[in-house]
Every structure is written in C-alpha cells, then in structure tokens.
C-alpha cells in the first residue's frame, strides 16, 4: 500500500483468489486504473468508463490514456445495459 492508498491494479491477484472467474468487468471513473488493469488482465477484462466527474473530460487524461472498452454517459447506465454489452469481443 503506497502512500496510504490502495491501488486497485495491484490487488488483482487478491480479486482472482477471492472471486475466480474467466472474465471480469471493471467500472471506474479513472482511465489510468482501467488502462493499468487492461494491461495486466488483457482480454480477461472489459473496462467500463462512466464519463462523469472531473476525470471524464480532462483533455490531458483523455489524450494520454487509452480508451476503455465501453464508455457510458453516467455511472447509473450499467443498470440499462444487458450482460452482452460487457462481454462482447473487444
């Protein structure tokens, strides 16, 4: 735990141990986290970016970070999606 903060991308082995699965879906408003997890889990994860909050429209972040697999207008949008939205081939 660096600087008193848990870095999600450093806890993936723990997640796999507690919640074994063939595929994961990660929803986060920080593209940096989504990109880091995608780099580690590759095709085993679908990254979902709800475009709200101050990270969603920061031009520097958007230019420097790869896009998520799925972008949503707001955090509640997954409630209106079916499972296929998150499992389609990337």
PDB file of N, CA and C in Angstrom:
ATOM      1  N   UNK A   1       0.853  -1.169   0.000  1.00  0.00           N
ATOM      2  CA  UNK A   1       0.000   0.000   0.000  1.00  0.00           C
ATOM      3  C   UNK A   1       0.899   1.232   0.000  1.00  0.00           C
ATOM      4  N   UNK A   2       0.998   1.882  -1.143  1.00  0.00           N
ATOM      5  CA  UNK A   2       1.868   3.046  -1.290  1.00  0.00           C
ATOM      6  C   UNK A   2       1.122   4.309  -0.896  1.00  0.00           C
ATOM      7  N   UNK A   3       1.730   5.114  -0.059  1.00  0.00           N
ATOM      8  CA  UNK A   3       1.168   6.405   0.303  1.00  0.00           C
ATOM      9  C   UNK A   3      -0.172   6.327   1.012  1.00  0.00           C
ATOM     10  N   UNK A   4      -0.482   5.179   1.626  1.00  0.00           N
ATOM     11  CA  UNK A   4      -1.729   5.060   2.361  1.00  0.00           C
ATOM     12  C   UNK A   4      -2.946   4.798   1.487  1.00  0.00           C
ATOM     13  N   UNK A   5      -2.764   4.650   0.191  1.00  0.00           N
ATOM     14  CA  UNK A   5      -3.873   4.396  -0.716  1.00  0.00           C
ATOM     15  C   UNK A   5      -3.741   2.997  -1.306  1.00  0.00           C
ATOM     16  N   UNK A   6      -4.863   2.321  -1.449  1.00  0.00           N
ATOM     17  CA  UNK A   6      -4.867   1.027  -2.121  1.00  0.00           C
ATOM     18  C   UNK A   6      -4.955   1.288  -3.614  1.00  0.00           C
ATOM     19  N   UNK A   7      -4.055   0.694  -4.366  1.00  0.00           N
ATOM     20  CA  UNK A   7      -4.069   0.809  -5.821  1.00  0.00           C
ATOM     21  C   UNK A   7      -4.733  -0.452  -6.375  1.00  0.00           C
ATOM     22  N   UNK A   8      -5.896  -0.275  -6.946  1.00  0.00           N
ATOM     23  CA  UNK A   8      -6.693  -1.406  -7.418  1.00  0.00           C
ATOM     24  C   UNK A   8      -5.906  -2.326  -8.331  1.00  0.00           C
ATOM     25  N   UNK A   9      -5.096  -1.746  -9.201  1.00  0.00           N
ATOM     26  CA  UNK A   9      -4.350  -2.548 -10.168  1.00  0.00           C
ATOM     27  C   UNK A   9      -3.311  -3.444  -9.502  1.00  0.00           C
ATOM     28  N   UNK A  10      -2.971  -3.169  -8.244  1.00  0.00           N
ATOM     29  CA  UNK A  10      -2.018  -4.000  -7.502  1.00  0.00           C
ATOM     30  C   UNK A  10      -2.712  -5.077  -6.678  1.00  0.00           C
ATOM     31  N   UNK A  11      -4.017  -5.147  -6.720  1.00  0.00           N
ATOM     32  CA  UNK A  11      -4.783  -6.089  -5.908  1.00  0.00           C
ATOM     33  C   UNK A  11      -5.472  -7.158  -6.754  1.00  0.00           C
ATOM     34  N   UNK A  12      -5.068  -7.309  -8.005  1.00  0.00           N
ATOM     35  CA  UNK A  12      -5.773  -8.217  -8.906  1.00  0.00           C
ATOM     36  C   UNK A  12      -5.623  -9.687  -8.507  1.00  0.00           C
ATOM     37  N   UNK A  13      -4.463 -10.071  -8.005  1.00  0.00           N
ATOM     38  CA  UNK A  13      -4.287 -11.459  -7.553  1.00  0.00           C
ATOM     39  C   UNK A  13      -5.253 -11.763  -6.406  1.00  0.00           C
ATOM     40  N   UNK A  14      -5.431 -10.810  -5.531  1.00  0.00           N
ATOM     41  CA  UNK A  14      -6.366 -10.953  -4.409  1.00  0.00           C
ATOM     42  C   UNK A  14      -7.792 -11.119  -4.936  1.00  0.00           C
ATOM     43  N   UNK A  15      -8.169 -10.315  -5.910  1.00  0.00           N
ATOM     44  CA  UNK A  15      -9.502 -10.406  -6.509  1.00  0.00           C
ATOM     45  C   UNK A  15      -9.688 -11.788  -7.146  1.00  0.00           C
ATOM     46  N   UNK A  16      -8.687 -12.235  -7.894  1.00  0.00           N
ATOM     47  CA  UNK A  16      -8.775 -13.543  -8.551  1.00  0.00           C
ATOM     48  C   UNK A  16      -8.915 -14.678  -7.526  1.00  0.00           C
ATOM     49  N   UNK A  17      -8.208 -14.566  -6.419  1.00  0.00           N
ATOM     50  CA  UNK A  17      -8.263 -15.598  -5.387  1.00  0.00           C
ATOM     51  C   UNK A  17      -9.650 -15.632  -4.720  1.00  0.00           C
ATOM     52  N   UNK A  18     -10.189 -14.459  -4.409  1.00  0.00           N
ATOM     53  CA  UNK A  18     -11.500 -14.403  -3.746  1.00  0.00           C
ATOM     54  C   UNK A  18     -12.674 -14.626  -4.690  1.00  0.00           C
ATOM     55  N   UNK A  19     -12.525 -14.161  -5.926  1.00  0.00           N
ATOM     56  CA  UNK A  19     -13.614 -14.217  -6.900  1.00  0.00           C
ATOM     57  C   UNK A  19     -13.110 -14.795  -8.217  1.00  0.00           C
ATOM     58  N   UNK A  20     -12.792 -16.081  -8.265  1.00  0.00           N
ATOM     59  CA  UNK A  20     -12.278 -16.662  -9.504  1.00  0.00           C
ATOM     60  C   UNK A  20     -13.315 -16.570 -10.625  1.00  0.00           C
ATOM     61  N   UNK A  21     -12.851 -16.171 -11.796  1.00  0.00           N
ATOM     62  CA  UNK A  21     -13.738 -16.041 -12.954  1.00  0.00           C
ATOM     63  C   UNK A  21     -12.917 -16.111 -14.233  1.00  0.00           C
ATOM     64  N   UNK A  22     -13.579 -16.437 -15.315  1.00  0.00           N
ATOM     65  CA  UNK A  22     -12.917 -16.416 -16.624  1.00  0.00           C
ATOM     66  C   UNK A  22     -12.834 -15.001 -17.175  1.00  0.00           C
ATOM     67  N   UNK A  23     -13.783 -14.157 -16.737  1.00  0.00           N
ATOM     68  CA  UNK A  23     -13.838 -12.789 -17.260  1.00  0.00           C
ATOM     69  C   UNK A  23     -14.336 -11.856 -16.158  1.00  0.00           C
ATOM     70  N   UNK A  24     -13.780 -10.653 -16.170  1.00  0.00           N
ATOM     71  CA  UNK A  24     -14.164  -9.635 -15.193  1.00  0.00           C
ATOM     72  C   UNK A  24     -14.634  -8.386 -15.925  1.00  0.00           C
ATOM     73  N   UNK A  25     -15.454  -7.584 -15.244  1.00  0.00           N
ATOM     74  CA  UNK A  25     -15.872  -6.272 -15.728  1.00  0.00           C
ATOM     75  C   UNK A  25     -15.465  -5.273 -14.659  1.00  0.00           C
ATOM     76  N   UNK A  26     -14.701  -4.265 -15.070  1.00  0.00           N
ATOM     77  CA  UNK A  26     -14.254  -3.235 -14.138  1.00  0.00           C
ATOM     78  C   UNK A  26     -14.842  -1.899 -14.553  1.00  0.00           C
ATOM     79  N   UNK A  27     -15.606  -1.296 -13.664  1.00  0.00           N
ATOM     80  CA  UNK A  27     -16.188   0.025 -13.891  1.00  0.00           C
ATOM     81  C   UNK A  27     -15.445   1.006 -13.002  1.00  0.00           C
ATOM     82  N   UNK A  28     -14.862   2.032 -13.606  1.00  0.00           N
ATOM     83  CA  UNK A  28     -14.131   3.034 -12.824  1.00  0.00           C
ATOM     84  C   UNK A  28     -14.147   4.350 -13.578  1.00  0.00           C
ATOM     85  N   UNK A  29     -14.121   5.461 -12.836  1.00  0.00           N
ATOM     86  CA  UNK A  29     -14.119   6.785 -13.475  1.00  0.00           C
ATOM     87  C   UNK A  29     -12.707   7.293 -13.726  1.00  0.00           C
ATOM     88  N   UNK A  30     -11.707   6.439 -13.525  1.00  0.00           N
ATOM     89  CA  UNK A  30     -10.316   6.835 -13.776  1.00  0.00           C
ATOM     90  C   UNK A  30      -9.736   5.975 -14.889  1.00  0.00           C
ATOM     91  N   UNK A  31      -9.485   6.584 -16.033  1.00  0.00           N
ATOM     92  CA  UNK A  31      -8.931   5.846 -17.169  1.00  0.00           C
ATOM     93  C   UNK A  31      -7.577   5.227 -16.840  1.00  0.00           C
ATOM     94  N   UNK A  32      -6.811   5.848 -15.969  1.00  0.00           N
ATOM     95  CA  UNK A  32      -5.496   5.319 -15.599  1.00  0.00           C
ATOM     96  C   UNK A  32      -5.633   3.929 -14.984  1.00  0.00           C
ATOM     97  N   UNK A  33      -6.606   3.771 -14.113  1.00  0.00           N
ATOM     98  CA  UNK A  33      -6.832   2.476 -13.476  1.00  0.00           C
ATOM     99  C   UNK A  33      -7.321   1.458 -14.497  1.00  0.00           C
ATOM    100  N   UNK A  34      -8.250   1.865 -15.334  1.00  0.00           N
ATOM    101  CA  UNK A  34      -8.771   0.956 -16.357  1.00  0.00           C
ATOM    102  C   UNK A  34      -7.659   0.483 -17.288  1.00  0.00           C
ATOM    103  N   UNK A  35      -6.798   1.395 -17.700  1.00  0.00           N
ATOM    104  CA  UNK A  35      -5.686   1.037 -18.601  1.00  0.00           C
ATOM    105  C   UNK A  35      -4.698   0.102 -17.910  1.00  0.00           C
ATOM    106  N   UNK A  36      -4.413   0.358 -16.650  1.00  0.00           N
ATOM    107  CA  UNK A  36      -3.464  -0.487 -15.910  1.00  0.00           C
ATOM    108  C   UNK A  36      -4.003  -1.908 -15.760  1.00  0.00           C
ATOM    109  N   UNK A  37      -5.282  -2.029 -15.436  1.00  0.00           N
ATOM    110  CA  UNK A  37      -5.879  -3.358 -15.274  1.00  0.00           C
ATOM    111  C   UNK A  37      -5.966  -4.062 -16.625  1.00  0.00           C
ATOM    112  N   UNK A  38      -6.302  -3.335 -17.678  1.00  0.00           N
ATOM    113  CA  UNK A  38      -6.370  -3.921 -19.022  1.00  0.00           C
ATOM    114  C   UNK A  38      -5.009  -4.456 -19.441  1.00  0.00           C
ATOM    115  N   UNK A  39      -3.956  -3.753 -19.083  1.00  0.00           N
ATOM    116  CA  UNK A  39      -2.596  -4.193 -19.422  1.00  0.00           C
ATOM    117  C   UNK A  39      -2.271  -5.527 -18.745  1.00  0.00           C
ATOM    118  N   UNK A  40      -2.772  -5.724 -17.540  1.00  0.00           N
ATOM    119  CA  UNK A  40      -2.495  -6.943 -16.782  1.00  0.00           C
ATOM    120  C   UNK A  40      -3.430  -8.079 -17.192  1.00  0.00           C
ATOM    121  N   UNK A  41      -4.731  -7.826 -17.230  1.00  0.00           N
ATOM    122  CA  UNK A  41      -5.703  -8.878 -17.499  1.00  0.00           C
ATOM    123  C   UNK A  41      -6.048  -9.018 -18.978  1.00  0.00           C
ATOM    124  N   UNK A  42      -5.687  -8.070 -19.798  1.00  0.00           N
ATOM    125  CA  UNK A  42      -5.905  -8.106 -21.254  1.00  0.00           C
ATOM    126  C   UNK A  42      -7.347  -8.482 -21.594  1.00  0.00           C
ATOM    127  N   UNK A  43      -7.523  -9.564 -22.331  1.00  0.00           N
ATOM    128  CA  UNK A  43      -8.855  -9.960 -22.792  1.00  0.00           C
ATOM    129  C   UNK A  43      -9.730 -10.552 -21.690  1.00  0.00           C
ATOM    130  N   UNK A  44      -9.175 -10.742 -20.497  1.00  0.00           N
ATOM    131  CA  UNK A  44      -9.957 -11.289 -19.375  1.00  0.00           C
ATOM    132  C   UNK A  44     -10.804 -10.228 -18.696  1.00  0.00           C
ATOM    133  N   UNK A  45     -10.692  -8.975 -19.145  1.00  0.00           N
ATOM    134  CA  UNK A  45     -11.440  -7.900 -18.508  1.00  0.00           C
ATOM    135  C   UNK A  45     -12.075  -6.995 -19.559  1.00  0.00           C
ATOM    136  N   UNK A  46     -13.273  -6.530 -19.253  1.00  0.00           N
ATOM    137  CA  UNK A  46     -13.913  -5.473 -20.022  1.00  0.00           C
ATOM    138  C   UNK A  46     -13.865  -4.234 -19.137  1.00  0.00           C
ATOM    139  N   UNK A  47     -13.248  -3.187 -19.651  1.00  0.00           N
ATOM    140  CA  UNK A  47     -13.153  -1.947 -18.884  1.00  0.00           C
ATOM    141  C   UNK A  47     -14.299  -1.023 -19.271  1.00  0.00           C
ATOM    142  N   UNK A  48     -14.894  -0.408 -18.255  1.00  0.00           N
ATOM    143  CA  UNK A  48     -16.063   0.453 -18.464  1.00  0.00           C
ATOM    144  C   UNK A  48     -15.794   1.805 -17.811  1.00  0.00           C
ATOM    145  N   UNK A  49     -15.930   2.855 -18.602  1.00  0.00           N
ATOM    146  CA  UNK A  49     -15.636   4.217 -18.166  1.00  0.00           C
ATOM    147  C   UNK A  49     -16.902   5.055 -18.160  1.00  0.00           C
ATOM    148  N   UNK A  50     -17.471   5.326 -16.978  1.00  0.00           N
ATOM    149  CA  UNK A  50     -18.603   6.254 -16.921  1.00  0.00           C
ATOM    150  C   UNK A  50     -18.069   7.684 -17.046  1.00  0.00           C
ATOM    151  N   UNK A  51     -18.500   8.381 -18.074  1.00  0.00           N
ATOM    152  CA  UNK A  51     -17.975   9.719 -18.360  1.00  0.00           C
ATOM    153  C   UNK A  51     -18.684  10.764 -17.512  1.00  0.00           C
ATOM    154  N   UNK A  52     -18.309  10.796 -16.247  1.00  0.00           N
ATOM    155  CA  UNK A  52     -18.817  11.832 -15.354  1.00  0.00           C
ATOM    156  C   UNK A  52     -17.711  12.177 -14.372  1.00  0.00           C
ATOM    157  N   UNK A  53     -17.823  13.321 -13.777  1.00  0.00           N
ATOM    158  CA  UNK A  53     -16.795  13.758 -12.846  1.00  0.00           C
ATOM    159  C   UNK A  53     -15.664  14.478 -13.553  1.00  0.00           C
ATOM    160  N   UNK A  54     -14.706  14.959 -12.781  1.00  0.00           N
ATOM    161  CA  UNK A  54     -13.662  15.796 -13.365  1.00  0.00           C
ATOM    162  C   UNK A  54     -12.664  15.025 -14.210  1.00  0.00           C
ATOM    163  N   UNK A  55     -12.554  13.707 -14.050  1.00  0.00           N
ATOM    164  CA  UNK A  55     -11.633  12.931 -14.886  1.00  0.00           C
ATOM    165  C   UNK A  55     -12.188  12.706 -16.292  1.00  0.00           C
ATOM    166  N   UNK A  56     -13.480  12.719 -16.435  1.00  0.00           N
ATOM    167  CA  UNK A  56     -14.129  12.338 -17.685  1.00  0.00           C
ATOM    168  C   UNK A  56     -13.840  13.256 -18.850  1.00  0.00           C
ATOM    169  N   UNK A  57     -13.580  14.501 -18.576  1.00  0.00           N
ATOM    170  CA  UNK A  57     -13.419  15.460 -19.669  1.00  0.00           C
ATOM    171  C   UNK A  57     -12.083  16.186 -19.630  1.00  0.00           C
ATOM    172  N   UNK A  58     -11.154  15.699 -18.836  1.00  0.00           N
ATOM    173  CA  UNK A  58      -9.820  16.299 -18.763  1.00  0.00           C
ATOM    174  C   UNK A  58      -9.073  15.987 -20.050  1.00  0.00           C
ATOM    175  N   UNK A  59      -8.782  17.000 -20.886  1.00  0.00           N
ATOM    176  CA  UNK A  59      -8.177  16.748 -22.195  1.00  0.00           C
ATOM    177  C   UNK A  59      -6.819  16.045 -22.102  1.00  0.00           C
ATOM    178  N   UNK A  60      -6.045  16.353 -21.076  1.00  0.00           N
ATOM    179  CA  UNK A  60      -4.737  15.717 -20.926  1.00  0.00           C
ATOM    180  C   UNK A  60      -4.895  14.223 -20.638  1.00  0.00           C
ATOM    181  N   UNK A  61      -5.770  13.884 -19.721  1.00  0.00           N
ATOM    182  CA  UNK A  61      -6.008  12.477 -19.393  1.00  0.00           C
ATOM    183  C   UNK A  61      -6.550  11.730 -20.606  1.00  0.00           C
ATOM    184  N   UNK A  62      -7.507  12.315 -21.289  1.00  0.00           N
ATOM    185  CA  UNK A  62      -8.100  11.667 -22.464  1.00  0.00           C
ATOM    186  C   UNK A  62      -7.079  11.464 -23.577  1.00  0.00           C
ATOM    187  N   UNK A  63      -6.145  12.380 -23.735  1.00  0.00           N
ATOM    188  CA  UNK A  63      -5.136  12.273 -24.785  1.00  0.00           C
ATOM    189  C   UNK A  63      -4.045  11.260 -24.441  1.00  0.00           C
ATOM    190  N   UNK A  64      -3.740  11.127 -23.160  1.00  0.00           N
ATOM    191  CA  UNK A  64      -2.608  10.290 -22.740  1.00  0.00           C
ATOM    192  C   UNK A  64      -2.986   8.863 -22.367  1.00  0.00           C
ATOM    193  N   UNK A  65      -4.260   8.576 -22.223  1.00  0.00           N
ATOM    194  CA  UNK A  65      -4.694   7.277 -21.717  1.00  0.00           C
ATOM    195  C   UNK A  65      -5.547   6.563 -22.759  1.00  0.00           C
ATOM    196  N   UNK A  66      -5.308   5.269 -22.956  1.00  0.00           N
ATOM    197  CA  UNK A  66      -6.141   4.530 -23.914  1.00  0.00           C
ATOM    198  C   UNK A  66      -7.605   4.541 -23.479  1.00  0.00           C
ATOM    199  N   UNK A  67      -8.515   4.496 -24.447  1.00  0.00           N
ATOM    200  CA  UNK A  67      -9.932   4.491 -24.083  1.00  0.00           C
ATOM    201  C   UNK A  67     -10.331   3.165 -23.438  1.00  0.00           C
ATOM    202  N   UNK A  68     -11.405   3.197 -22.688  1.00  0.00           N
ATOM    203  CA  UNK A  68     -11.966   1.977 -22.105  1.00  0.00           C
ATOM    204  C   UNK A  68     -12.669   1.184 -23.205  1.00  0.00           C
ATOM    205  N   UNK A  69     -12.967  -0.072 -22.910  1.00  0.00           N
ATOM    206  CA  UNK A  69     -13.694  -0.904 -23.870  1.00  0.00           C
ATOM    207  C   UNK A  69     -15.109  -0.387 -24.086  1.00  0.00           C
ATOM    208  N   UNK A  70     -15.717   0.096 -23.000  1.00  0.00           N
ATOM    209  CA  UNK A  70     -17.085   0.617 -23.051  1.00  0.00           C
ATOM    210  C   UNK A  70     -17.098   1.966 -22.349  1.00  0.00           C
ATOM    211  N   UNK A  71     -17.723   2.955 -22.980  1.00  0.00           N
ATOM    212  CA  UNK A  71     -17.906   4.264 -22.341  1.00  0.00           C
ATOM    213  C   UNK A  71     -19.389   4.481 -22.109  1.00  0.00           C
ATOM    214  N   UNK A  72     -19.711   4.984 -20.941  1.00  0.00           N
ATOM    215  CA  UNK A  72     -21.098   5.254 -20.577  1.00  0.00           C
ATOM    216  C   UNK A  72     -21.226   6.722 -20.199  1.00  0.00           C
ATOM    217  N   UNK A  73     -22.405   7.278 -20.398  1.00  0.00           N
ATOM    218  CA  UNK A  73     -22.625   8.690 -20.096  1.00  0.00           C
ATOM    219  C   UNK A  73     -22.600   8.970 -18.595  1.00  0.00           C
ATOM    220  N   UNK A  74     -23.054   7.993 -17.802  1.00  0.00           N
ATOM    221  CA  UNK A  74     -23.068   8.217 -16.353  1.00  0.00           C
ATOM    222  C   UNK A  74     -22.994   6.885 -15.617  1.00  0.00           C
ATOM    223  N   UNK A  75     -22.681   6.944 -14.348  1.00  0.00           N
ATOM    224  CA  UNK A  75     -22.441   5.745 -13.544  1.00  0.00           C
ATOM    225  C   UNK A  75     -23.667   4.840 -13.445  1.00  0.00           C
ATOM    226  N   UNK A  76     -24.850   5.364 -13.579  1.00  0.00           N
ATOM    227  CA  UNK A  76     -26.058   4.532 -13.480  1.00  0.00           C
ATOM    228  C   UNK A  76     -26.386   3.801 -14.782  1.00  0.00           C
ATOM    229  N   UNK A  77     -25.718   4.101 -15.866  1.00  0.00           N
ATOM    230  CA  UNK A  77     -26.027   3.480 -17.151  1.00  0.00           C
ATOM    231  C   UNK A  77     -25.910   1.952 -17.182  1.00  0.00           C
ATOM    232  N   UNK A  78     -25.021   1.321 -16.412  1.00  0.00           N
ATOM    233  CA  UNK A  78     -24.990  -0.154 -16.455  1.00  0.00           C
ATOM    234  C   UNK A  78     -26.319  -0.795 -16.083  1.00  0.00           C
ATOM    235  N   UNK A  79     -27.147  -0.088 -15.339  1.00  0.00           N
ATOM    236  CA  UNK A  79     -28.458  -0.615 -14.982  1.00  0.00           C
ATOM    237  C   UNK A  79     -29.341  -0.800 -16.210  1.00  0.00           C
ATOM    238  N   UNK A  80     -29.033  -0.063 -17.288  1.00  0.00           N
ATOM    239  CA  UNK A  80     -29.819  -0.139 -18.514  1.00  0.00           C
ATOM    240  C   UNK A  80     -29.157  -0.999 -19.585  1.00  0.00           C
ATOM    241  N   UNK A  81     -28.045  -1.645 -19.257  1.00  0.00           N
ATOM    242  CA  UNK A  81     -27.311  -2.469 -20.215  1.00  0.00           C
ATOM    243  C   UNK A  81     -27.572  -3.942 -19.930  1.00  0.00           C
ATOM    244  N   UNK A  82     -27.461  -4.752 -20.978  1.00  0.00           N
ATOM    245  CA  UNK A  82     -27.550  -6.186 -20.729  1.00  0.00           C
ATOM    246  C   UNK A  82     -26.130  -6.751 -20.660  1.00  0.00           C
ATOM    247  N   UNK A  83     -26.010  -7.957 -20.200  1.00  0.00           N
ATOM    248  CA  UNK A  83     -24.709  -8.581 -19.988  1.00  0.00           C
ATOM    249  C   UNK A  83     -23.872  -8.618 -21.260  1.00  0.00           C
ATOM    250  N   UNK A  84     -24.492  -8.789 -22.406  1.00  0.00           N
ATOM    251  CA  UNK A  84     -23.762  -8.854 -23.674  1.00  0.00           C
ATOM    252  C   UNK A  84     -22.951  -7.587 -23.938  1.00  0.00           C
ATOM    253  N   UNK A  85     -23.405  -6.450 -23.443  1.00  0.00           N
ATOM    254  CA  UNK A  85     -22.673  -5.191 -23.607  1.00  0.00           C
ATOM    255  C   UNK A  85     -21.268  -5.304 -23.031  1.00  0.00           C
ATOM    256  N   UNK A  86     -21.136  -6.026 -21.941  1.00  0.00           N
ATOM    257  CA  UNK A  86     -19.858  -6.125 -21.250  1.00  0.00           C
ATOM    258  C   UNK A  86     -19.043  -7.335 -21.646  1.00  0.00           C
ATOM    259  N   UNK A  87     -19.630  -8.263 -22.377  1.00  0.00           N
ATOM    260  CA  UNK A  87     -18.918  -9.480 -22.734  1.00  0.00           C
ATOM    261  C   UNK A  87     -18.606  -9.590 -24.215  1.00  0.00           C
ATOM    262  N   UNK A  88     -19.003  -8.615 -25.019  1.00  0.00           N
ATOM    263  CA  UNK A  88     -18.711  -8.692 -26.444  1.00  0.00           C
ATOM    264  C   UNK A  88     -17.211  -8.697 -26.668  1.00  0.00           C
ATOM    265  N   UNK A  89     -16.798  -9.302 -27.737  1.00  0.00           N
ATOM    266  CA  UNK A  89     -15.375  -9.377 -28.062  1.00  0.00           C
ATOM    267  C   UNK A  89     -14.813  -7.988 -28.243  1.00  0.00           C
ATOM    268  N   UNK A  90     -13.661  -7.774 -27.652  1.00  0.00           N
ATOM    269  CA  UNK A  90     -13.002  -6.465 -27.696  1.00  0.00           C
ATOM    270  C   UNK A  90     -12.188  -6.332 -28.973  1.00  0.00           C
TER     271      UNK A  90
END
